[in-house]
Protein backbone atom coordinates (compact mmCIF):
# COMPACT_ATOMS: atom_id res chain seq x y z
CA MET A 1 92.95 139.66 104.00
CA TYR A 2 90.95 137.64 101.49
CA SER A 3 88.60 139.36 99.09
CA ILE A 4 84.99 138.18 98.92
CA CYS A 5 85.68 136.77 95.45
CA MET A 6 88.62 134.70 96.72
CA LEU A 7 86.58 133.39 99.64
CA TYR A 8 83.74 132.49 97.29
CA HIS A 9 86.13 130.48 95.08
CA MET A 10 87.68 128.78 98.11
CA THR A 11 84.20 127.77 99.23
CA THR A 12 83.33 126.60 95.73
CA ASP A 13 86.50 124.49 95.67
CA LYS A 14 85.53 123.01 99.02
CA LEU A 15 82.06 122.16 97.67
CA LYS A 16 83.62 120.47 94.62
CA GLN A 17 85.93 118.49 96.88
CA LEU A 18 82.97 117.35 99.00
CA GLU A 19 80.98 116.44 95.88
CA ASN A 20 83.89 114.32 94.65
CA GLU A 21 84.13 112.50 97.97
CA ILE A 22 80.38 111.84 97.98
CA ARG A 23 80.60 110.56 94.40
CA ARG A 24 83.45 108.22 95.40
CA ILE A 25 81.37 106.82 98.25
CA LYS A 26 78.33 106.32 95.99
CA ASN A 27 80.50 104.45 93.49
CA GLU A 28 81.95 102.25 96.20
CA LEU A 29 78.47 101.53 97.57
CA SER A 30 77.25 100.49 94.12
CA GLU A 31 80.03 97.88 93.91
CA LEU A 32 79.40 96.17 97.24
CA ALA A 33 78.73 92.44 97.24
CA PRO A 34 75.79 90.82 99.04
CA MET A 35 75.67 91.75 102.70
CA ARG A 36 73.88 90.98 105.91
CA PRO A 37 73.97 92.38 109.41
CA GLY A 38 74.79 90.34 112.43
CA VAL A 39 77.28 88.58 114.60
CA LEU A 40 78.42 85.04 113.91
CA SER A 41 79.37 83.08 117.00
CA LEU A 42 80.39 79.56 117.86
CA GLN A 43 78.00 77.94 120.33
CA TYR A 44 77.91 74.54 122.01
CA LYS A 45 74.98 72.23 122.64
CA VAL A 46 76.67 71.28 125.91
CA PRO A 47 78.61 74.42 126.85
CA ALA A 48 80.20 73.05 130.02
CA LYS A 49 81.88 70.25 128.07
CA LYS A 50 82.23 72.21 124.81
CA LYS A 51 80.41 69.45 122.94
CA GLY A 52 78.26 69.80 119.86
CA PRO A 53 79.69 72.99 118.34
CA TYR A 54 77.57 74.96 115.91
CA PHE A 55 77.54 78.44 114.42
CA GLN A 56 74.81 80.91 115.16
CA LEU A 57 74.05 84.18 113.39
CA SER A 58 72.30 86.83 115.50
CA TYR A 59 71.00 90.07 114.06
CA THR A 60 68.27 92.68 114.25
CA HIS A 61 66.36 93.71 111.14
CA LYS A 62 63.25 95.88 110.98
CA MET A 63 63.31 96.08 114.77
CA LYS A 64 63.09 92.29 115.12
CA SER A 65 65.83 90.26 116.71
CA ARG A 66 66.60 87.04 114.90
CA THR A 67 68.82 84.03 115.37
CA GLN A 68 69.76 81.61 112.64
CA TYR A 69 71.87 78.48 112.59
CA VAL A 70 74.62 78.43 109.98
CA ARG A 71 76.00 75.26 108.45
CA PRO A 72 79.79 74.98 108.57
CA GLU A 73 80.10 75.21 104.78
CA TRP A 74 78.42 78.64 104.85
CA VAL A 75 80.47 80.18 107.68
CA ASP A 76 83.11 81.83 105.48
CA GLU A 77 80.52 83.32 103.13
CA ILE A 78 78.41 84.66 106.01
CA ARG A 79 81.53 86.20 107.59
CA GLY A 80 82.26 87.92 104.30
CA GLN A 81 78.69 89.23 104.04
CA ILE A 82 78.93 90.60 107.59
CA GLU A 83 82.17 92.41 106.67
CA VAL A 84 80.51 93.90 103.59
CA TYR A 85 77.66 95.13 105.80
CA LYS A 86 80.15 96.78 108.17
CA ARG A 87 81.78 98.51 105.19
CA PHE A 88 78.34 99.62 103.98
CA LYS A 89 77.53 101.16 107.37
CA LYS A 90 80.90 102.95 107.48
CA LEU A 91 80.43 104.38 103.98
CA VAL A 92 76.92 105.59 104.79
CA GLU A 93 78.23 107.35 107.92
CA GLU A 94 80.95 109.03 105.85
CA TRP A 95 78.35 110.10 103.27
CA ILE A 96 76.17 111.63 105.98
CA ASP A 97 79.13 113.49 107.50
CA LEU A 98 80.15 114.85 104.11
CA SER A 99 76.57 115.82 103.27
CA ILE A 100 76.23 117.77 106.50
CA GLU A 101 79.49 119.57 105.80
CA TYR A 102 78.37 120.24 102.22
CA SER A 103 75.07 121.71 103.42
CA ARG A 104 76.77 123.94 106.00
CA THR A 105 79.31 125.16 103.47
CA ARG A 106 76.60 126.00 100.94
CA MET A 107 74.56 127.89 103.54
CA LYS A 108 77.64 129.90 104.53
CA GLN A 109 78.35 130.65 100.90
CA GLU A 110 74.79 131.81 100.28
CA ARG A 111 74.93 134.09 103.35
CA GLY A 112 78.32 135.39 102.32
CA ASP A 113 79.94 134.10 105.53
CA THR A 114 82.71 132.31 103.66
């Protein structure tokens, strides 16, 4: 059986581990390149004949849906920005998950439920 002191240190170690993970995520977030939300798709002016191809960026920002045409020379850059945005969203979700776990662990430690 663990002593209260051992459980406290185990919990403290867990908190330090969570803090380190959160710090890693913050550092990674600070290094992200420009980003933008959305989906880039190839459209056609005459869909039945697949004539007049063009790229279209669709996204929602501040609760407004938007559509923007993208010139061919910008397609690769926009794709990269969309990927950065996806990474951003994933990191934020991880940060939230870790923060919830951190909060729960601290509350248990304070109650002595370790």
